[in-house]
Amino acid sequence: MKKINPIYGALCILFFLIATSCTFDYGELENSERELPDLVMLNVEYIRVKSADPIARVQAERAERYEKQGVMKLENFTFEQLGDKGQEVNTQGGAGNALLEINSGDITMTNGVRIAVESEDIILATDKLEWKDEMHILSTGAEDKVDIFRENGTHFIGTGLTANARTRSFEFSGGVDGNYVQDDDEEPETINEN
């Protein structure tokens, strides 16, 4: 019978205990970074339908769908809000990135957001914009700058935009600076409220 060296035996038991009780800390990664998307699509077109009528069309170079989080991440995308049973484009725009909440229809757009509302003759440009679908509210952060301009020469810049699509009203939480031109060919009015 071969005798086991007590130091060797103790080291083996110690190694076994350390190996079975060891955990690794991979850092505080967000769930979306840790989990792979359930579906990845390239050059995708997504149409949202309500009461059998198309109400929005989104196109993206890349879309990643995360079922557990209920979101879709979009890269280099454009969108159109549709009316008249999908035959008319009311609003169109795009951005470099977006996060679409699948169930609510809420969307956060970043990286060069540009929206054109043809019926209002308004073009809006900013770095980050959120759309709350149920309330029909567009908003930026309180410190985010927004450029708004029209074909008639109106152009102003403000910070902290909140716009209500139902009431067709908007307000800024911060300063506003620019020119407002009325449609009856009056001279531009300078806006400067800081």
C-alpha atoms as a PDB file:
ATOM      1  CA  MET A   1       0.000   0.000   0.000  1.00  0.00           C
ATOM      2  CA  LYS A   2       1.339   3.372  -1.108  1.00  0.00           C
ATOM      3  CA  LYS A   3       1.292   6.141   1.446  1.00  0.00           C
ATOM      4  CA  ILE A   4      -0.021   9.601   0.290  1.00  0.00           C
ATOM      5  CA  ASN A   5       1.996  12.608   1.296  1.00  0.00           C
ATOM      6  CA  PRO A   6      -0.213  14.623   3.705  1.00  0.00           C
ATOM      7  CA  ILE A   7       0.861  17.949   2.197  1.00  0.00           C
ATOM      8  CA  TYR A   8      -0.023  16.714  -1.318  1.00  0.00           C
ATOM      9  CA  GLY A   9      -3.408  15.418  -0.077  1.00  0.00           C
ATOM     10  CA  ALA A  10      -4.205  18.697   1.688  1.00  0.00           C
ATOM     11  CA  LEU A  11      -3.302  20.691  -1.454  1.00  0.00           C
ATOM     12  CA  CYS A  12      -5.599  18.463  -3.585  1.00  0.00           C
ATOM     13  CA  ILE A  13      -8.504  18.936  -1.154  1.00  0.00           C
ATOM     14  CA  LEU A  14      -7.868  22.704  -0.970  1.00  0.00           C
ATOM     15  CA  PHE A  15      -7.730  22.982  -4.782  1.00  0.00           C
ATOM     16  CA  PHE A  16     -10.988  21.001  -5.075  1.00  0.00           C
ATOM     17  CA  LEU A  17     -12.748  23.265  -2.553  1.00  0.00           C
ATOM     18  CA  ILE A  18     -11.531  26.444  -4.279  1.00  0.00           C
ATOM     19  CA  ALA A  19     -12.519  25.177  -7.742  1.00  0.00           C
ATOM     20  CA  THR A  20     -16.057  24.192  -6.711  1.00  0.00           C
ATOM     21  CA  SER A  21     -16.779  27.382  -4.769  1.00  0.00           C
ATOM     22  CA  CYS A  22     -15.209  29.862  -7.201  1.00  0.00           C
ATOM     23  CA  THR A  23     -17.371  32.376  -9.081  1.00  0.00           C
ATOM     24  CA  PHE A  24     -16.244  34.823 -11.687  1.00  0.00           C
ATOM     25  CA  ASP A  25     -17.261  38.466 -11.727  1.00  0.00           C
ATOM     26  CA  TYR A  26     -17.758  39.552 -15.328  1.00  0.00           C
ATOM     27  CA  GLY A  27     -18.651  43.098 -14.362  1.00  0.00           C
ATOM     28  CA  GLU A  28     -21.922  44.956 -14.475  1.00  0.00           C
ATOM     29  CA  LEU A  29     -22.948  44.399 -18.078  1.00  0.00           C
ATOM     30  CA  GLU A  30     -26.420  45.427 -19.150  1.00  0.00           C
ATOM     31  CA  ASN A  31     -28.784  42.576 -20.045  1.00  0.00           C
ATOM     32  CA  SER A  32     -28.846  43.584 -23.697  1.00  0.00           C
ATOM     33  CA  GLU A  33     -25.029  43.393 -23.858  1.00  0.00           C
ATOM     34  CA  ARG A  34     -24.964  39.987 -22.202  1.00  0.00           C
ATOM     35  CA  GLU A  35     -27.808  38.451 -24.172  1.00  0.00           C
ATOM     36  CA  LEU A  36     -27.742  37.795 -27.852  1.00  0.00           C
ATOM     37  CA  PRO A  37     -30.641  39.055 -29.964  1.00  0.00           C
ATOM     38  CA  ASP A  38     -33.375  36.534 -30.728  1.00  0.00           C
ATOM     39  CA  LEU A  39     -33.484  37.714 -34.327  1.00  0.00           C
ATOM     40  CA  VAL A  40     -31.116  39.749 -36.503  1.00  0.00           C
ATOM     41  CA  MET A  41     -32.378  41.136 -39.792  1.00  0.00           C
ATOM     42  CA  LEU A  42     -30.576  43.121 -42.470  1.00  0.00           C
ATOM     43  CA  ASN A  43     -32.251  45.609 -44.840  1.00  0.00           C
ATOM     44  CA  VAL A  44     -35.588  45.209 -43.095  1.00  0.00           C
ATOM     45  CA  GLU A  45     -38.965  46.877 -43.560  1.00  0.00           C
ATOM     46  CA  TYR A  46     -41.340  46.847 -40.577  1.00  0.00           C
ATOM     47  CA  ILE A  47     -44.961  47.950 -40.984  1.00  0.00           C
ATOM     48  CA  ARG A  48     -47.110  48.688 -37.932  1.00  0.00           C
ATOM     49  CA  VAL A  49     -50.806  48.007 -38.460  1.00  0.00           C
ATOM     50  CA  LYS A  50     -53.783  49.218 -36.405  1.00  0.00           C
ATOM     51  CA  SER A  51     -57.355  48.103 -37.186  1.00  0.00           C
ATOM     52  CA  ALA A  52     -56.104  46.490 -40.427  1.00  0.00           C
ATOM     53  CA  ASP A  53     -54.634  49.789 -41.691  1.00  0.00           C
ATOM     54  CA  PRO A  54     -50.883  50.463 -41.952  1.00  0.00           C
ATOM     55  CA  ILE A  55     -50.028  53.399 -39.675  1.00  0.00           C
ATOM     56  CA  ALA A  56     -46.217  53.396 -39.785  1.00  0.00           C
ATOM     57  CA  ARG A  57     -43.403  52.028 -41.910  1.00  0.00           C
ATOM     58  CA  VAL A  58     -39.842  51.646 -40.600  1.00  0.00           C
ATOM     59  CA  GLN A  59     -36.879  50.641 -42.725  1.00  0.00           C
ATOM     60  CA  ALA A  60     -33.440  49.841 -41.310  1.00  0.00           C
ATOM     61  CA  GLU A  61     -30.096  48.532 -42.456  1.00  0.00           C
ATOM     62  CA  ARG A  62     -29.985  46.308 -39.367  1.00  0.00           C
ATOM     63  CA  ALA A  63     -32.606  45.320 -36.808  1.00  0.00           C
ATOM     64  CA  GLU A  64     -32.049  43.233 -33.684  1.00  0.00           C
ATOM     65  CA  ARG A  65     -35.104  41.893 -31.850  1.00  0.00           C
ATOM     66  CA  TYR A  66     -34.868  41.044 -28.131  1.00  0.00           C
ATOM     67  CA  GLU A  67     -37.997  39.134 -27.100  1.00  0.00           C
ATOM     68  CA  LYS A  68     -37.278  39.071 -23.354  1.00  0.00           C
ATOM     69  CA  GLN A  69     -36.835  42.857 -23.188  1.00  0.00           C
ATOM     70  CA  GLY A  70     -39.621  43.481 -25.729  1.00  0.00           C
ATOM     71  CA  VAL A  71     -37.439  45.796 -27.833  1.00  0.00           C
ATOM     72  CA  MET A  72     -36.038  46.113 -31.309  1.00  0.00           C
ATOM     73  CA  LYS A  73     -32.755  47.950 -31.931  1.00  0.00           C
ATOM     74  CA  LEU A  74     -32.480  49.641 -35.315  1.00  0.00           C
ATOM     75  CA  GLU A  75     -29.439  50.994 -37.151  1.00  0.00           C
ATOM     76  CA  ASN A  76     -29.529  53.584 -39.939  1.00  0.00           C
ATOM     77  CA  PHE A  77     -33.273  53.728 -40.173  1.00  0.00           C
ATOM     78  CA  THR A  78     -35.998  55.788 -41.778  1.00  0.00           C
ATOM     79  CA  PHE A  79     -39.673  55.943 -40.923  1.00  0.00           C
ATOM     80  CA  GLU A  80     -42.962  57.184 -42.293  1.00  0.00           C
ATOM     81  CA  GLN A  81     -46.191  57.847 -40.429  1.00  0.00           C
ATOM     82  CA  LEU A  82     -49.029  56.859 -42.716  1.00  0.00           C
ATOM     83  CA  GLY A  83     -52.585  58.121 -43.086  1.00  0.00           C
ATOM     84  CA  ASP A  84     -55.539  57.499 -45.405  1.00  0.00           C
ATOM     85  CA  LYS A  85     -55.302  53.697 -44.963  1.00  0.00           C
ATOM     86  CA  GLY A  86     -51.589  53.700 -45.728  1.00  0.00           C
ATOM     87  CA  GLN A  87     -51.874  55.764 -48.925  1.00  0.00           C
ATOM     88  CA  GLU A  88     -50.589  59.075 -47.544  1.00  0.00           C
ATOM     89  CA  VAL A  89     -47.313  59.960 -45.780  1.00  0.00           C
ATOM     90  CA  ASN A  90     -47.922  62.478 -42.986  1.00  0.00           C
ATOM     91  CA  THR A  91     -44.497  62.492 -41.351  1.00  0.00           C
ATOM     92  CA  GLN A  92     -41.132  61.082 -42.327  1.00  0.00           C
ATOM     93  CA  GLY A  93     -37.706  61.021 -40.794  1.00  0.00           C
ATOM     94  CA  GLY A  94     -34.736  58.993 -39.753  1.00  0.00           C
ATOM     95  CA  ALA A  95     -31.776  58.596 -37.440  1.00  0.00           C
ATOM     96  CA  GLY A  96     -28.600  56.606 -37.020  1.00  0.00           C
ATOM     97  CA  ASN A  97     -30.012  54.461 -34.201  1.00  0.00           C
ATOM     98  CA  ALA A  98     -33.307  53.743 -32.492  1.00  0.00           C
ATOM     99  CA  LEU A  99     -34.738  51.598 -29.731  1.00  0.00           C
ATOM    100  CA  LEU A 100     -38.334  50.560 -30.430  1.00  0.00           C
ATOM    101  CA  GLU A 101     -40.478  49.185 -27.606  1.00  0.00           C
ATOM    102  CA  ILE A 102     -42.515  46.560 -29.424  1.00  0.00           C
ATOM    103  CA  ASN A 103     -45.680  46.516 -27.292  1.00  0.00           C
ATOM    104  CA  SER A 104     -46.080  50.246 -26.681  1.00  0.00           C
ATOM    105  CA  GLY A 105     -44.739  51.643 -29.961  1.00  0.00           C
ATOM    106  CA  ASP A 106     -42.535  54.067 -27.993  1.00  0.00           C
ATOM    107  CA  ILE A 107     -39.256  54.834 -29.705  1.00  0.00           C
ATOM    108  CA  THR A 108     -36.006  56.554 -28.711  1.00  0.00           C
ATOM    109  CA  MET A 109     -33.996  57.889 -31.655  1.00  0.00           C
ATOM    110  CA  THR A 110     -30.347  58.952 -31.492  1.00  0.00           C
ATOM    111  CA  ASN A 111     -27.430  59.896 -33.708  1.00  0.00           C
ATOM    112  CA  GLY A 112     -28.635  62.535 -36.162  1.00  0.00           C
ATOM    113  CA  VAL A 113     -32.421  62.623 -35.809  1.00  0.00           C
ATOM    114  CA  ARG A 114     -34.321  64.429 -38.562  1.00  0.00           C
ATOM    115  CA  ILE A 115     -38.124  64.591 -38.860  1.00  0.00           C
ATOM    116  CA  ALA A 116     -40.223  66.346 -41.521  1.00  0.00           C
ATOM    117  CA  VAL A 117     -43.931  66.985 -40.909  1.00  0.00           C
ATOM    118  CA  GLU A 118     -45.222  67.886 -44.354  1.00  0.00           C
ATOM    119  CA  SER A 119     -48.696  69.054 -43.265  1.00  0.00           C
ATOM    120  CA  GLU A 120     -47.112  71.565 -40.869  1.00  0.00           C
ATOM    121  CA  ASP A 121     -44.157  72.461 -43.119  1.00  0.00           C
ATOM    122  CA  ILE A 122     -41.767  71.805 -40.222  1.00  0.00           C
ATOM    123  CA  ILE A 123     -38.397  70.082 -40.216  1.00  0.00           C
ATOM    124  CA  LEU A 124     -36.838  69.190 -36.877  1.00  0.00           C
ATOM    125  CA  ALA A 125     -33.219  68.119 -36.316  1.00  0.00           C
ATOM    126  CA  THR A 126     -31.597  67.027 -33.043  1.00  0.00           C
ATOM    127  CA  ASP A 127     -29.277  64.373 -31.569  1.00  0.00           C
ATOM    128  CA  LYS A 128     -31.825  62.512 -29.417  1.00  0.00           C
ATOM    129  CA  LEU A 129     -35.606  62.384 -29.545  1.00  0.00           C
ATOM    130  CA  GLU A 130     -38.220  60.238 -27.814  1.00  0.00           C
ATOM    131  CA  TRP A 131     -41.720  59.409 -29.080  1.00  0.00           C
ATOM    132  CA  LYS A 132     -44.392  58.271 -26.591  1.00  0.00           C
ATOM    133  CA  ASP A 133     -46.979  56.620 -28.818  1.00  0.00           C
ATOM    134  CA  GLU A 134     -50.004  56.517 -26.508  1.00  0.00           C
ATOM    135  CA  MET A 135     -49.674  60.190 -25.531  1.00  0.00           C
ATOM    136  CA  HIS A 136     -48.436  61.316 -28.988  1.00  0.00           C
ATOM    137  CA  ILE A 137     -45.591  63.274 -27.369  1.00  0.00           C
ATOM    138  CA  LEU A 138     -42.166  64.000 -28.891  1.00  0.00           C
ATOM    139  CA  SER A 139     -39.497  65.164 -26.468  1.00  0.00           C
ATOM    140  CA  THR A 140     -35.803  65.728 -25.978  1.00  0.00           C
ATOM    141  CA  GLY A 141     -33.778  65.967 -22.821  1.00  0.00           C
ATOM    142  CA  ALA A 142     -33.917  69.280 -20.951  1.00  0.00           C
ATOM    143  CA  GLU A 143     -30.447  70.277 -22.208  1.00  0.00           C
ATOM    144  CA  ASP A 144     -30.728  68.897 -25.770  1.00  0.00           C
ATOM    145  CA  LYS A 145     -30.686  71.447 -28.598  1.00  0.00           C
ATOM    146  CA  VAL A 146     -33.238  71.270 -31.410  1.00  0.00           C
ATOM    147  CA  ASP A 147     -33.174  73.004 -34.817  1.00  0.00           C
ATOM    148  CA  ILE A 148     -36.602  73.770 -36.281  1.00  0.00           C
ATOM    149  CA  PHE A 149     -37.023  75.276 -39.728  1.00  0.00           C
ATOM    150  CA  ARG A 150     -39.610  75.786 -42.444  1.00  0.00           C
ATOM    151  CA  GLU A 151     -39.427  76.393 -46.188  1.00  0.00           C
ATOM    152  CA  ASN A 152     -40.515  80.029 -45.763  1.00  0.00           C
ATOM    153  CA  GLY A 153     -37.274  80.926 -43.951  1.00  0.00           C
ATOM    154  CA  THR A 154     -38.352  80.342 -40.362  1.00  0.00           C
ATOM    155  CA  HIS A 155     -35.447  78.914 -38.391  1.00  0.00           C
ATOM    156  CA  PHE A 156     -34.854  78.755 -34.677  1.00  0.00           C
ATOM    157  CA  ILE A 157     -32.886  76.736 -32.141  1.00  0.00           C
ATOM    158  CA  GLY A 158     -34.169  75.850 -28.691  1.00  0.00           C
ATOM    159  CA  THR A 159     -33.399  73.468 -25.842  1.00  0.00           C
ATOM    160  CA  GLY A 160     -35.654  70.974 -24.094  1.00  0.00           C
ATOM    161  CA  LEU A 161     -38.411  70.429 -26.666  1.00  0.00           C
ATOM    162  CA  THR A 162     -41.777  68.871 -25.802  1.00  0.00           C
ATOM    163  CA  ALA A 163     -44.260  68.601 -28.675  1.00  0.00           C
ATOM    164  CA  ASN A 164     -47.820  67.283 -28.524  1.00  0.00           C
ATOM    165  CA  ALA A 165     -48.909  65.824 -31.875  1.00  0.00           C
ATOM    166  CA  ARG A 166     -52.602  65.790 -30.885  1.00  0.00           C
ATOM    167  CA  THR A 167     -52.822  69.479 -29.984  1.00  0.00           C
ATOM    168  CA  ARG A 168     -50.159  70.507 -32.516  1.00  0.00           C
ATOM    169  CA  SER A 169     -48.339  72.496 -29.879  1.00  0.00           C
ATOM    170  CA  PHE A 170     -44.757  72.576 -28.676  1.00  0.00           C
ATOM    171  CA  GLU A 171     -42.724  74.266 -25.988  1.00  0.00           C
ATOM    172  CA  PHE A 172     -39.113  74.571 -24.915  1.00  0.00           C
ATOM    173  CA  SER A 173     -37.830  74.317 -21.366  1.00  0.00           C
ATOM    174  CA  GLY A 174     -34.722  76.340 -22.188  1.00  0.00           C
ATOM    175  CA  GLY A 175     -33.810  79.311 -24.357  1.00  0.00           C
ATOM    176  CA  VAL A 176     -34.979  79.858 -27.942  1.00  0.00           C
ATOM    177  CA  ASP A 177     -33.181  81.925 -30.592  1.00  0.00           C
ATOM    178  CA  GLY A 178     -33.932  82.485 -34.277  1.00  0.00           C
ATOM    179  CA  ASN A 179     -36.259  83.986 -36.910  1.00  0.00           C
ATOM    180  CA  TYR A 180     -39.974  83.373 -37.372  1.00  0.00           C
ATOM    181  CA  VAL A 181     -41.547  84.229 -40.744  1.00  0.00           C
ATOM    182  CA  GLN A 182     -45.335  84.448 -41.050  1.00  0.00           C
ATOM    183  CA  ASP A 183     -46.867  83.049 -44.216  1.00  0.00           C
ATOM    184  CA  ASP A 184     -48.418  86.358 -45.315  1.00  0.00           C
ATOM    185  CA  ASP A 185     -44.995  87.625 -46.538  1.00  0.00           C
ATOM    186  CA  GLU A 186     -44.262  89.822 -43.533  1.00  0.00           C
ATOM    187  CA  GLU A 187     -40.699  90.530 -42.535  1.00  0.00           C
ATOM    188  CA  PRO A 188     -39.013  87.875 -40.334  1.00  0.00           C
ATOM    189  CA  GLU A 189     -39.498  88.350 -36.595  1.00  0.00           C
ATOM    190  CA  THR A 190     -36.413  87.720 -34.490  1.00  0.00           C
ATOM    191  CA  ILE A 191     -36.916  85.397 -31.523  1.00  0.00           C
ATOM    192  CA  ASN A 192     -34.452  85.635 -28.671  1.00  0.00           C
ATOM    193  CA  GLU A 193     -35.664  84.209 -25.338  1.00  0.00           C
ATOM    194  CA  ASN A 194     -32.872  82.930 -23.153  1.00  0.00           C
END
